[in-house]
């Protein structure tokens, strides 16, 4: 099992980690326990779930035709904003 540093200090750090994980996993880049899915679930959806006091979460899915680089870029912006406080 490999490890990836999430000691992010900038958007560029986050984007580099996401892109490295996507490249490492090829067509399986959105696997259930991969970095993209994990950050979407734990760093983006979970805080919203808790804040709105929802009683259940919906499964995440991404259409196969979605460009992984576009997902990485948008997700990096969200994570930068939520985790590092960027505006």
N, C-alpha and C. Protein backbone atom coordinates (compact mmCIF):
# COMPACT_ATOMS: atom_id res chain seq x y z
N UNK A 1 0.84 -1.17 0.00
CA UNK A 1 0.00 0.00 0.00
C UNK A 1 0.89 1.24 0.00
N UNK A 2 0.62 2.16 -0.89
CA UNK A 2 1.40 3.38 -0.95
C UNK A 2 0.78 4.46 -0.07
N UNK A 3 1.59 5.43 0.26
CA UNK A 3 1.09 6.56 1.04
C UNK A 3 1.29 7.84 0.25
N UNK A 4 0.43 8.79 0.51
CA UNK A 4 0.49 10.08 -0.16
C UNK A 4 0.42 11.15 0.92
N UNK A 5 1.30 12.12 0.84
CA UNK A 5 1.28 13.21 1.81
C UNK A 5 0.08 14.11 1.54
N UNK A 6 -0.63 14.43 2.60
CA UNK A 6 -1.71 15.42 2.49
C UNK A 6 -1.36 16.63 3.36
N UNK A 7 -0.09 16.87 3.50
CA UNK A 7 0.39 18.05 4.21
C UNK A 7 0.36 19.23 3.24
N UNK A 8 -0.86 19.57 2.83
CA UNK A 8 -1.06 20.60 1.82
C UNK A 8 -0.97 21.99 2.42
N UNK A 9 -0.31 22.89 1.68
CA UNK A 9 -0.24 24.28 2.12
C UNK A 9 -0.75 25.23 1.04
N UNK A 10 -1.13 24.68 -0.11
CA UNK A 10 -1.60 25.53 -1.20
C UNK A 10 -2.47 24.74 -2.17
N UNK A 11 -3.16 25.48 -3.02
CA UNK A 11 -3.94 24.88 -4.11
C UNK A 11 -3.04 23.98 -4.96
N UNK A 12 -1.83 24.46 -5.25
CA UNK A 12 -0.91 23.70 -6.09
C UNK A 12 -0.54 22.36 -5.47
N UNK A 13 -0.35 22.33 -4.14
CA UNK A 13 -0.06 21.07 -3.44
C UNK A 13 -1.22 20.09 -3.60
N UNK A 14 -2.42 20.60 -3.39
CA UNK A 14 -3.61 19.75 -3.49
C UNK A 14 -3.76 19.22 -4.90
N UNK A 15 -3.65 20.11 -5.89
CA UNK A 15 -3.80 19.70 -7.28
C UNK A 15 -2.74 18.67 -7.67
N UNK A 16 -1.50 18.87 -7.25
CA UNK A 16 -0.44 17.91 -7.57
C UNK A 16 -0.74 16.54 -6.98
N UNK A 17 -1.24 16.48 -5.74
CA UNK A 17 -1.59 15.20 -5.11
C UNK A 17 -2.72 14.51 -5.85
N UNK A 18 -3.75 15.27 -6.19
CA UNK A 18 -4.90 14.68 -6.89
C UNK A 18 -4.48 14.17 -8.27
N UNK A 19 -3.72 14.97 -9.00
CA UNK A 19 -3.28 14.55 -10.34
C UNK A 19 -2.35 13.34 -10.27
N UNK A 20 -1.48 13.29 -9.27
CA UNK A 20 -0.59 12.13 -9.12
C UNK A 20 -1.40 10.86 -8.85
N UNK A 21 -2.42 10.98 -8.01
CA UNK A 21 -3.26 9.82 -7.72
C UNK A 21 -4.05 9.39 -8.95
N UNK A 22 -4.56 10.34 -9.71
CA UNK A 22 -5.28 10.03 -10.94
C UNK A 22 -4.37 9.33 -11.93
N UNK A 23 -3.18 9.85 -12.10
CA UNK A 23 -2.23 9.25 -13.05
C UNK A 23 -1.83 7.85 -12.61
N UNK A 24 -1.60 7.67 -11.33
CA UNK A 24 -1.19 6.37 -10.79
C UNK A 24 -2.28 5.31 -11.00
N UNK A 25 -3.54 5.72 -11.01
CA UNK A 25 -4.64 4.76 -11.08
C UNK A 25 -5.32 4.66 -12.43
N UNK A 26 -4.88 5.43 -13.39
CA UNK A 26 -5.39 5.32 -14.76
C UNK A 26 -6.90 5.41 -14.84
N UNK A 27 -7.51 4.47 -15.54
CA UNK A 27 -8.95 4.50 -15.76
C UNK A 27 -9.75 4.22 -14.48
N UNK A 28 -9.07 3.74 -13.45
CA UNK A 28 -9.73 3.46 -12.17
C UNK A 28 -9.53 4.62 -11.18
N UNK A 29 -9.40 5.83 -11.71
CA UNK A 29 -9.07 7.00 -10.88
C UNK A 29 -10.15 7.37 -9.88
N UNK A 30 -11.40 6.97 -10.09
CA UNK A 30 -12.48 7.27 -9.15
C UNK A 30 -12.87 6.05 -8.32
N UNK A 31 -11.91 5.20 -8.05
CA UNK A 31 -12.19 4.00 -7.26
C UNK A 31 -12.67 4.42 -5.87
N UNK A 32 -13.46 3.58 -5.20
CA UNK A 32 -14.11 3.98 -3.94
C UNK A 32 -13.18 4.49 -2.85
N UNK A 33 -11.97 3.97 -2.75
CA UNK A 33 -11.08 4.40 -1.67
C UNK A 33 -9.89 5.21 -2.20
N UNK A 34 -10.02 5.72 -3.41
CA UNK A 34 -8.97 6.56 -3.98
C UNK A 34 -9.05 7.98 -3.42
N UNK A 35 -8.03 8.76 -3.71
CA UNK A 35 -7.96 10.11 -3.16
C UNK A 35 -9.10 11.00 -3.64
N UNK A 36 -9.49 10.91 -4.91
CA UNK A 36 -10.56 11.77 -5.41
C UNK A 36 -11.88 11.46 -4.69
N UNK A 37 -12.24 10.20 -4.65
CA UNK A 37 -13.49 9.82 -3.97
C UNK A 37 -13.42 10.13 -2.47
N UNK A 38 -12.27 9.83 -1.86
CA UNK A 38 -12.12 10.08 -0.42
C UNK A 38 -12.26 11.56 -0.08
N UNK A 39 -11.59 12.42 -0.83
CA UNK A 39 -11.67 13.85 -0.52
C UNK A 39 -13.07 14.40 -0.78
N UNK A 40 -13.73 13.89 -1.82
CA UNK A 40 -15.12 14.32 -2.06
C UNK A 40 -16.02 13.93 -0.89
N UNK A 41 -15.87 12.69 -0.44
CA UNK A 41 -16.74 12.20 0.63
C UNK A 41 -16.41 12.84 1.98
N UNK A 42 -15.14 12.83 2.35
CA UNK A 42 -14.75 13.22 3.70
C UNK A 42 -14.47 14.71 3.88
N UNK A 43 -14.02 15.37 2.85
CA UNK A 43 -13.64 16.78 3.00
C UNK A 43 -14.66 17.74 2.40
N UNK A 44 -15.52 17.26 1.52
CA UNK A 44 -16.51 18.13 0.90
C UNK A 44 -17.91 17.75 1.36
N UNK A 45 -18.33 16.52 1.13
CA UNK A 45 -19.70 16.13 1.47
C UNK A 45 -19.96 15.97 2.96
N UNK A 46 -19.03 15.41 3.71
CA UNK A 46 -19.26 15.17 5.13
C UNK A 46 -19.54 16.46 5.92
N UNK A 47 -18.74 17.51 5.75
CA UNK A 47 -19.07 18.74 6.49
C UNK A 47 -20.45 19.30 6.13
N UNK A 48 -20.84 19.21 4.86
CA UNK A 48 -22.18 19.66 4.46
C UNK A 48 -23.25 18.79 5.10
N UNK A 49 -23.02 17.49 5.13
CA UNK A 49 -23.94 16.55 5.75
C UNK A 49 -24.15 16.89 7.22
N UNK A 50 -23.07 17.13 7.93
CA UNK A 50 -23.15 17.44 9.36
C UNK A 50 -23.83 18.80 9.57
N UNK A 51 -23.43 19.78 8.77
CA UNK A 51 -23.98 21.13 8.94
C UNK A 51 -25.48 21.19 8.69
N UNK A 52 -25.98 20.38 7.77
CA UNK A 52 -27.41 20.41 7.44
C UNK A 52 -28.22 19.39 8.24
N UNK A 53 -27.52 18.61 9.06
CA UNK A 53 -28.17 17.59 9.90
C UNK A 53 -28.99 16.60 9.10
N UNK A 54 -28.47 16.23 7.95
CA UNK A 54 -29.15 15.23 7.12
C UNK A 54 -29.11 13.87 7.81
N UNK A 55 -30.01 13.00 7.44
CA UNK A 55 -30.05 11.69 8.08
C UNK A 55 -29.39 10.60 7.24
N UNK A 56 -29.11 10.86 5.97
CA UNK A 56 -28.41 9.87 5.16
C UNK A 56 -27.68 10.57 4.02
N UNK A 57 -26.67 9.89 3.53
CA UNK A 57 -25.90 10.44 2.41
C UNK A 57 -26.23 9.67 1.15
N UNK A 58 -26.00 10.30 0.05
CA UNK A 58 -26.20 9.64 -1.25
C UNK A 58 -24.86 9.14 -1.76
N UNK A 59 -24.87 8.01 -2.46
CA UNK A 59 -23.62 7.51 -3.04
C UNK A 59 -23.09 8.49 -4.08
N UNK A 60 -21.78 8.59 -4.15
CA UNK A 60 -21.16 9.45 -5.15
C UNK A 60 -20.86 8.66 -6.41
N UNK A 61 -21.05 9.30 -7.54
CA UNK A 61 -20.67 8.67 -8.80
C UNK A 61 -20.26 9.76 -9.77
N UNK A 62 -19.41 9.38 -10.71
CA UNK A 62 -18.95 10.30 -11.74
C UNK A 62 -19.10 9.59 -13.07
N UNK A 63 -19.68 10.28 -14.03
CA UNK A 63 -19.87 9.70 -15.37
C UNK A 63 -18.51 9.39 -15.99
N UNK A 64 -18.45 8.31 -16.74
CA UNK A 64 -17.18 7.85 -17.31
C UNK A 64 -16.56 8.85 -18.29
N UNK A 65 -17.37 9.70 -18.89
CA UNK A 65 -16.84 10.65 -19.87
C UNK A 65 -16.27 11.92 -19.23
N UNK A 66 -16.35 12.05 -17.93
CA UNK A 66 -15.84 13.24 -17.24
C UNK A 66 -14.31 13.24 -17.30
N UNK A 67 -13.76 14.43 -17.56
CA UNK A 67 -12.31 14.60 -17.64
C UNK A 67 -11.73 14.63 -16.23
N UNK A 68 -10.87 13.66 -15.89
CA UNK A 68 -10.31 13.62 -14.54
C UNK A 68 -9.50 14.87 -14.17
N UNK A 69 -8.84 15.49 -15.15
CA UNK A 69 -8.07 16.71 -14.86
C UNK A 69 -8.99 17.86 -14.47
N UNK A 70 -10.17 17.93 -15.08
CA UNK A 70 -11.14 18.95 -14.74
C UNK A 70 -11.68 18.71 -13.32
N UNK A 71 -11.94 17.45 -12.99
CA UNK A 71 -12.39 17.11 -11.64
C UNK A 71 -11.31 17.48 -10.63
N UNK A 72 -10.07 17.14 -10.93
CA UNK A 72 -8.96 17.45 -10.01
C UNK A 72 -8.85 18.95 -9.77
N UNK A 73 -8.95 19.73 -10.82
CA UNK A 73 -8.84 21.18 -10.70
C UNK A 73 -9.97 21.76 -9.85
N UNK A 74 -11.20 21.37 -10.13
CA UNK A 74 -12.34 21.89 -9.37
C UNK A 74 -12.32 21.41 -7.92
N UNK A 75 -11.95 20.15 -7.73
CA UNK A 75 -11.88 19.60 -6.38
C UNK A 75 -10.76 20.28 -5.59
N UNK A 76 -9.64 20.54 -6.23
CA UNK A 76 -8.53 21.23 -5.56
C UNK A 76 -8.96 22.62 -5.10
N UNK A 77 -9.75 23.32 -5.91
CA UNK A 77 -10.25 24.63 -5.50
C UNK A 77 -11.17 24.52 -4.28
N UNK A 78 -12.07 23.52 -4.30
CA UNK A 78 -12.96 23.31 -3.15
C UNK A 78 -12.17 23.00 -1.88
N UNK A 79 -11.20 22.11 -2.01
CA UNK A 79 -10.41 21.72 -0.85
C UNK A 79 -9.55 22.88 -0.34
N UNK A 80 -9.01 23.65 -1.25
CA UNK A 80 -8.23 24.82 -0.88
C UNK A 80 -9.10 25.78 -0.07
N UNK A 81 -10.31 25.98 -0.53
CA UNK A 81 -11.24 26.88 0.16
C UNK A 81 -11.66 26.34 1.51
N UNK A 82 -12.01 25.06 1.57
CA UNK A 82 -12.54 24.48 2.81
C UNK A 82 -11.47 24.16 3.83
N UNK A 83 -10.33 23.66 3.36
CA UNK A 83 -9.30 23.22 4.29
C UNK A 83 -8.26 24.28 4.61
N UNK A 84 -7.94 25.10 3.63
CA UNK A 84 -6.87 26.09 3.80
C UNK A 84 -7.41 27.51 3.91
N UNK A 85 -8.69 27.69 3.72
CA UNK A 85 -9.30 29.00 3.90
C UNK A 85 -9.08 29.98 2.77
N UNK A 86 -8.77 29.47 1.57
CA UNK A 86 -8.59 30.37 0.42
C UNK A 86 -9.93 30.98 0.02
N UNK A 87 -9.89 32.15 -0.53
CA UNK A 87 -11.13 32.81 -0.97
C UNK A 87 -11.27 32.74 -2.46
